[in-house]
Amino acid sequence: QVQLVESGGGLVQPGGSLRLSCAIRGSIVGIMQWYRQAPGKEREFVATLTPDDNTNYLYSVEGRFTIFRDGAKNSLELQMNNLNVEDTAVYYCYGLPSGALEGYWGRGTQVTVSS
């Protein structure tokens, strides 16, 4: 059984940075993604990382966010720079094993950008 556990959220001022981590308990070989859900809005895709290290980002975070895996920690990371208030949301980690129809979700970590 795979478990995903996010951490690293918090309160940051506009223009600041945070690094989110998604600990992978078990093993996933497949697509890894970050999503977010702001209050009153639907969950939206933020970033994806394929098994061959291709990445794709939501247009509004392109150039500010970086998704990558940390092999030493067995985790999925999201480095977020130049944060703005519109980035405020609960951020979720998602892993879809290759060939699987359903994936795994973490429980989320809150990111609040406010002055």
N, C-alpha and C. Protein backbone atom coordinates (compact mmCIF):
# COMPACT_ATOMS: atom_id res chain seq x y z
N GLN A 1 0.85 -1.18 0.00
CA GLN A 1 0.00 0.00 0.00
C GLN A 1 0.89 1.25 0.00
N VAL A 2 0.57 2.18 -0.87
CA VAL A 2 1.33 3.41 -0.99
C VAL A 2 0.64 4.51 -0.20
N GLN A 3 1.44 5.31 0.50
CA GLN A 3 0.92 6.50 1.18
C GLN A 3 1.75 7.70 0.77
N LEU A 4 1.06 8.82 0.58
CA LEU A 4 1.70 10.07 0.24
C LEU A 4 1.43 11.06 1.37
N VAL A 5 2.48 11.68 1.89
CA VAL A 5 2.33 12.59 3.03
C VAL A 5 3.02 13.90 2.71
N GLU A 6 2.21 14.96 2.57
CA GLU A 6 2.76 16.28 2.24
C GLU A 6 3.21 17.01 3.50
N SER A 7 4.18 17.89 3.31
CA SER A 7 4.65 18.77 4.37
C SER A 7 5.28 20.00 3.75
N GLY A 8 5.57 20.99 4.58
CA GLY A 8 6.27 22.17 4.09
C GLY A 8 5.41 23.40 3.88
N GLY A 9 4.11 23.25 4.04
CA GLY A 9 3.24 24.41 3.88
C GLY A 9 3.40 25.38 5.03
N GLY A 10 2.78 26.54 4.87
CA GLY A 10 2.85 27.55 5.92
C GLY A 10 2.41 28.89 5.43
N LEU A 11 2.70 29.91 6.23
CA LEU A 11 2.37 31.29 5.90
C LEU A 11 3.62 31.99 5.38
N VAL A 12 3.48 32.64 4.25
CA VAL A 12 4.62 33.33 3.65
C VAL A 12 4.14 34.65 3.06
N GLN A 13 5.00 35.64 3.04
CA GLN A 13 4.64 36.94 2.47
C GLN A 13 4.73 36.89 0.95
N PRO A 14 3.99 37.74 0.27
CA PRO A 14 4.11 37.81 -1.19
C PRO A 14 5.57 38.03 -1.60
N GLY A 15 5.98 37.32 -2.63
CA GLY A 15 7.37 37.36 -3.07
C GLY A 15 8.26 36.33 -2.41
N GLY A 16 7.75 35.67 -1.40
CA GLY A 16 8.55 34.69 -0.68
C GLY A 16 8.58 33.33 -1.36
N SER A 17 9.22 32.39 -0.69
CA SER A 17 9.40 31.05 -1.23
C SER A 17 9.02 29.99 -0.20
N LEU A 18 8.58 28.86 -0.70
CA LEU A 18 8.34 27.68 0.11
C LEU A 18 8.74 26.46 -0.69
N ARG A 19 9.11 25.42 0.03
CA ARG A 19 9.37 24.14 -0.63
C ARG A 19 8.47 23.09 0.00
N LEU A 20 7.62 22.51 -0.83
CA LEU A 20 6.73 21.45 -0.37
C LEU A 20 7.38 20.10 -0.63
N SER A 21 7.10 19.19 0.27
CA SER A 21 7.64 17.84 0.12
C SER A 21 6.50 16.83 0.25
N CYS A 22 6.56 15.80 -0.55
CA CYS A 22 5.58 14.72 -0.49
C CYS A 22 6.35 13.42 -0.26
N ALA A 23 6.30 12.95 0.98
CA ALA A 23 6.98 11.70 1.30
C ALA A 23 6.23 10.54 0.69
N ILE A 24 6.95 9.70 -0.03
CA ILE A 24 6.33 8.54 -0.69
C ILE A 24 6.65 7.30 0.16
N ARG A 25 5.63 6.79 0.83
CA ARG A 25 5.80 5.59 1.65
C ARG A 25 5.38 4.40 0.81
N GLY A 26 6.36 3.68 0.35
CA GLY A 26 6.15 2.62 -0.62
C GLY A 26 6.90 3.00 -1.88
N SER A 27 6.38 2.59 -3.00
CA SER A 27 7.06 2.88 -4.26
C SER A 27 6.05 3.19 -5.34
N ILE A 28 6.31 4.23 -6.09
CA ILE A 28 5.49 4.55 -7.25
C ILE A 28 6.40 4.78 -8.44
N VAL A 29 6.17 4.03 -9.50
CA VAL A 29 6.84 4.29 -10.77
C VAL A 29 5.76 4.74 -11.73
N GLY A 30 5.73 6.01 -12.00
CA GLY A 30 4.67 6.55 -12.84
C GLY A 30 4.69 8.06 -12.79
N ILE A 31 3.55 8.65 -13.10
CA ILE A 31 3.43 10.10 -13.13
C ILE A 31 3.19 10.62 -11.71
N MET A 32 3.92 11.65 -11.34
CA MET A 32 3.74 12.30 -10.05
C MET A 32 3.31 13.73 -10.31
N GLN A 33 2.36 14.20 -9.52
CA GLN A 33 1.82 15.53 -9.76
C GLN A 33 1.54 16.27 -8.46
N TRP A 34 1.43 17.59 -8.59
CA TRP A 34 0.93 18.45 -7.53
C TRP A 34 -0.35 19.11 -8.04
N TYR A 35 -1.33 19.16 -7.16
CA TYR A 35 -2.57 19.88 -7.39
C TYR A 35 -2.76 20.86 -6.24
N ARG A 36 -3.71 21.77 -6.43
CA ARG A 36 -4.05 22.68 -5.34
C ARG A 36 -5.54 23.01 -5.40
N GLN A 37 -6.05 23.38 -4.25
CA GLN A 37 -7.46 23.77 -4.17
C GLN A 37 -7.58 24.98 -3.26
N ALA A 38 -8.01 26.08 -3.87
CA ALA A 38 -8.24 27.31 -3.13
C ALA A 38 -9.66 27.31 -2.57
N PRO A 39 -9.90 28.10 -1.53
CA PRO A 39 -11.25 28.15 -0.94
C PRO A 39 -12.30 28.52 -1.97
N GLY A 40 -13.35 27.71 -2.05
CA GLY A 40 -14.44 27.99 -2.96
C GLY A 40 -14.17 27.65 -4.41
N LYS A 41 -13.03 27.04 -4.68
CA LYS A 41 -12.68 26.70 -6.06
C LYS A 41 -12.45 25.20 -6.20
N GLU A 42 -12.46 24.74 -7.44
CA GLU A 42 -12.19 23.34 -7.69
C GLU A 42 -10.69 23.07 -7.62
N ARG A 43 -10.38 21.81 -7.37
CA ARG A 43 -8.97 21.42 -7.37
C ARG A 43 -8.41 21.59 -8.77
N GLU A 44 -7.19 22.13 -8.86
CA GLU A 44 -6.57 22.34 -10.17
C GLU A 44 -5.17 21.77 -10.22
N PHE A 45 -4.80 21.37 -11.42
CA PHE A 45 -3.47 20.85 -11.67
C PHE A 45 -2.44 21.96 -11.51
N VAL A 46 -1.29 21.63 -10.93
CA VAL A 46 -0.21 22.59 -10.77
C VAL A 46 1.02 22.18 -11.56
N ALA A 47 1.45 20.94 -11.38
CA ALA A 47 2.69 20.51 -12.03
C ALA A 47 2.71 18.99 -12.14
N THR A 48 3.40 18.51 -13.16
CA THR A 48 3.54 17.07 -13.35
C THR A 48 4.98 16.71 -13.64
N LEU A 49 5.36 15.51 -13.23
CA LEU A 49 6.69 14.96 -13.48
C LEU A 49 6.52 13.53 -13.97
N THR A 50 7.03 13.27 -15.17
CA THR A 50 6.90 11.93 -15.74
C THR A 50 8.07 11.06 -15.32
N PRO A 51 7.98 9.75 -15.53
CA PRO A 51 9.08 8.86 -15.15
C PRO A 51 10.40 9.18 -15.87
N ASP A 52 10.30 9.78 -17.06
CA ASP A 52 11.52 10.14 -17.78
C ASP A 52 11.88 11.61 -17.60
N ASP A 53 11.37 12.18 -16.47
CA ASP A 53 11.76 13.52 -16.02
C ASP A 53 11.26 14.66 -16.89
N ASN A 54 10.21 14.43 -17.66
CA ASN A 54 9.57 15.55 -18.34
C ASN A 54 8.64 16.26 -17.36
N THR A 55 8.54 17.56 -17.50
CA THR A 55 7.71 18.35 -16.60
C THR A 55 6.72 19.19 -17.38
N ASN A 56 5.65 19.53 -16.70
CA ASN A 56 4.66 20.43 -17.27
C ASN A 56 4.02 21.20 -16.12
N TYR A 57 3.65 22.46 -16.38
CA TYR A 57 3.16 23.32 -15.31
C TYR A 57 1.91 24.06 -15.71
N LEU A 58 1.11 24.39 -14.72
CA LEU A 58 0.03 25.35 -14.89
C LEU A 58 0.65 26.65 -15.38
N TYR A 59 0.00 27.31 -16.33
CA TYR A 59 0.62 28.46 -16.97
C TYR A 59 0.97 29.55 -15.96
N SER A 60 0.15 29.68 -14.90
CA SER A 60 0.37 30.79 -13.96
C SER A 60 1.52 30.54 -12.99
N VAL A 61 2.04 29.31 -12.95
CA VAL A 61 3.18 29.03 -12.06
C VAL A 61 4.46 28.76 -12.86
N GLU A 62 4.33 28.69 -14.18
CA GLU A 62 5.50 28.44 -15.02
C GLU A 62 6.58 29.47 -14.75
N GLY A 63 7.80 28.98 -14.52
CA GLY A 63 8.91 29.88 -14.25
C GLY A 63 9.08 30.22 -12.78
N ARG A 64 8.08 29.93 -11.97
CA ARG A 64 8.17 30.21 -10.53
C ARG A 64 8.24 28.92 -9.71
N PHE A 65 7.59 27.87 -10.17
CA PHE A 65 7.55 26.59 -9.45
C PHE A 65 8.42 25.57 -10.19
N THR A 66 9.01 24.68 -9.41
CA THR A 66 9.79 23.58 -9.98
C THR A 66 9.43 22.29 -9.28
N ILE A 67 9.06 21.28 -10.08
CA ILE A 67 8.74 19.97 -9.54
C ILE A 67 9.91 19.03 -9.79
N PHE A 68 10.24 18.22 -8.77
CA PHE A 68 11.33 17.27 -8.94
C PHE A 68 11.22 16.20 -7.86
N ARG A 69 11.94 15.11 -8.08
CA ARG A 69 11.99 14.03 -7.09
C ARG A 69 13.32 14.10 -6.35
N ASP A 70 13.25 13.81 -5.09
CA ASP A 70 14.45 13.69 -4.28
C ASP A 70 14.63 12.21 -3.98
N GLY A 71 15.57 11.60 -4.69
CA GLY A 71 15.77 10.16 -4.53
C GLY A 71 16.23 9.78 -3.14
N ALA A 72 17.03 10.62 -2.54
CA ALA A 72 17.56 10.30 -1.20
C ALA A 72 16.44 10.26 -0.16
N LYS A 73 15.45 11.13 -0.34
CA LYS A 73 14.33 11.20 0.61
C LYS A 73 13.14 10.36 0.15
N ASN A 74 13.19 9.84 -1.07
CA ASN A 74 12.04 9.15 -1.68
C ASN A 74 10.82 10.06 -1.60
N SER A 75 10.96 11.23 -2.15
CA SER A 75 9.90 12.22 -2.07
C SER A 75 9.73 12.96 -3.39
N LEU A 76 8.58 13.58 -3.52
CA LEU A 76 8.31 14.50 -4.60
C LEU A 76 8.34 15.90 -4.01
N GLU A 77 9.03 16.81 -4.66
CA GLU A 77 9.21 18.15 -4.13
C GLU A 77 8.55 19.17 -5.06
N LEU A 78 8.21 20.31 -4.47
CA LEU A 78 7.73 21.44 -5.25
C LEU A 78 8.36 22.69 -4.68
N GLN A 79 9.32 23.23 -5.40
CA GLN A 79 9.94 24.49 -4.99
C GLN A 79 9.11 25.62 -5.56
N MET A 80 8.64 26.50 -4.68
CA MET A 80 7.76 27.60 -5.10
C MET A 80 8.44 28.91 -4.77
N ASN A 81 8.69 29.72 -5.78
CA ASN A 81 9.33 31.02 -5.61
C ASN A 81 8.40 32.13 -6.06
N ASN A 82 8.70 33.33 -5.59
CA ASN A 82 7.93 34.50 -5.97
C ASN A 82 6.42 34.26 -5.80
N LEU A 83 6.07 33.79 -4.63
CA LEU A 83 4.67 33.46 -4.37
C LEU A 83 3.80 34.71 -4.33
N ASN A 84 2.56 34.56 -4.76
CA ASN A 84 1.60 35.66 -4.66
C ASN A 84 0.32 35.15 -4.01
N VAL A 85 -0.57 36.08 -3.68
CA VAL A 85 -1.75 35.71 -2.90
C VAL A 85 -2.63 34.69 -3.63
N GLU A 86 -2.56 34.70 -4.97
CA GLU A 86 -3.35 33.75 -5.74
C GLU A 86 -2.85 32.32 -5.61
N ASP A 87 -1.67 32.14 -5.03
CA ASP A 87 -1.13 30.80 -4.82
C ASP A 87 -1.65 30.19 -3.51
N THR A 88 -2.39 30.95 -2.74
CA THR A 88 -2.95 30.43 -1.50
C THR A 88 -3.92 29.29 -1.79
N ALA A 89 -3.65 28.14 -1.17
CA ALA A 89 -4.47 26.95 -1.42
C ALA A 89 -3.96 25.81 -0.56
N VAL A 90 -4.72 24.74 -0.55
CA VAL A 90 -4.22 23.48 -0.02
C VAL A 90 -3.57 22.74 -1.19
N TYR A 91 -2.34 22.31 -1.00
CA TYR A 91 -1.59 21.65 -2.05
C TYR A 91 -1.57 20.15 -1.79
N TYR A 92 -1.87 19.40 -2.85
CA TYR A 92 -1.97 17.94 -2.76
C TYR A 92 -0.97 17.27 -3.70
N CYS A 93 -0.44 16.20 -3.23
CA CYS A 93 0.45 15.34 -4.01
C CYS A 93 -0.38 14.18 -4.57
N TYR A 94 -0.09 13.80 -5.80
CA TYR A 94 -0.81 12.71 -6.45
C TYR A 94 0.17 11.85 -7.23
N GLY A 95 0.01 10.53 -7.10
CA GLY A 95 0.86 9.61 -7.83
C GLY A 95 0.04 8.59 -8.58
N LEU A 96 0.30 8.44 -9.85
CA LEU A 96 -0.41 7.46 -10.68
C LEU A 96 0.59 6.44 -11.21
N PRO A 97 0.56 5.24 -10.66
CA PRO A 97 1.49 4.21 -11.15
C PRO A 97 1.24 3.89 -12.61
N SER A 98 2.28 3.61 -13.34
CA SER A 98 2.16 3.27 -14.76
C SER A 98 1.22 2.09 -14.95
N GLY A 99 0.26 2.23 -15.83
CA GLY A 99 -0.69 1.16 -16.12
C GLY A 99 -1.88 1.12 -15.20
N ALA A 100 -1.86 1.92 -14.15
CA ALA A 100 -2.97 1.91 -13.19
C ALA A 100 -4.09 2.84 -13.65
N LEU A 101 -5.30 2.53 -13.25
CA LEU A 101 -6.45 3.38 -13.56
C LEU A 101 -6.69 4.43 -12.48
N GLU A 102 -6.26 4.14 -11.29
CA GLU A 102 -6.43 5.08 -10.19
C GLU A 102 -5.09 5.26 -9.49
N GLY A 103 -4.94 6.46 -8.94
CA GLY A 103 -3.71 6.76 -8.24
C GLY A 103 -3.92 7.00 -6.77
N TYR A 104 -2.93 7.64 -6.17
CA TYR A 104 -2.91 7.89 -4.73
C TYR A 104 -2.85 9.38 -4.47
N TRP A 105 -3.63 9.82 -3.48
CA TRP A 105 -3.62 11.22 -3.07
C TRP A 105 -3.08 11.34 -1.65
N GLY A 106 -2.36 12.43 -1.42
CA GLY A 106 -2.04 12.79 -0.06
C GLY A 106 -3.17 13.59 0.54
N ARG A 107 -3.00 13.98 1.81
CA ARG A 107 -4.06 14.71 2.49
C ARG A 107 -3.93 16.21 2.35
N GLY A 108 -2.82 16.67 1.82
CA GLY A 108 -2.67 18.09 1.55
C GLY A 108 -1.90 18.85 2.61
N THR A 109 -1.37 19.99 2.19
CA THR A 109 -0.69 20.91 3.10
C THR A 109 -1.09 22.33 2.73
N GLN A 110 -1.38 23.14 3.73
CA GLN A 110 -1.90 24.48 3.49
C GLN A 110 -0.77 25.46 3.20
N VAL A 111 -0.94 26.21 2.14
CA VAL A 111 -0.04 27.31 1.80
C VAL A 111 -0.85 28.60 1.81
N THR A 112 -0.42 29.55 2.61
CA THR A 112 -1.09 30.84 2.70
C THR A 112 -0.09 31.94 2.39
N VAL A 113 -0.42 32.73 1.38
CA VAL A 113 0.43 33.85 0.98
C VAL A 113 -0.30 35.13 1.37
N SER A 114 0.27 35.85 2.31
CA SER A 114 -0.40 37.04 2.82
C SER A 114 0.62 37.97 3.46
N SER A 115 0.33 39.26 3.35
CA SER A 115 1.18 40.24 4.01
C SER A 115 0.63 40.58 5.39
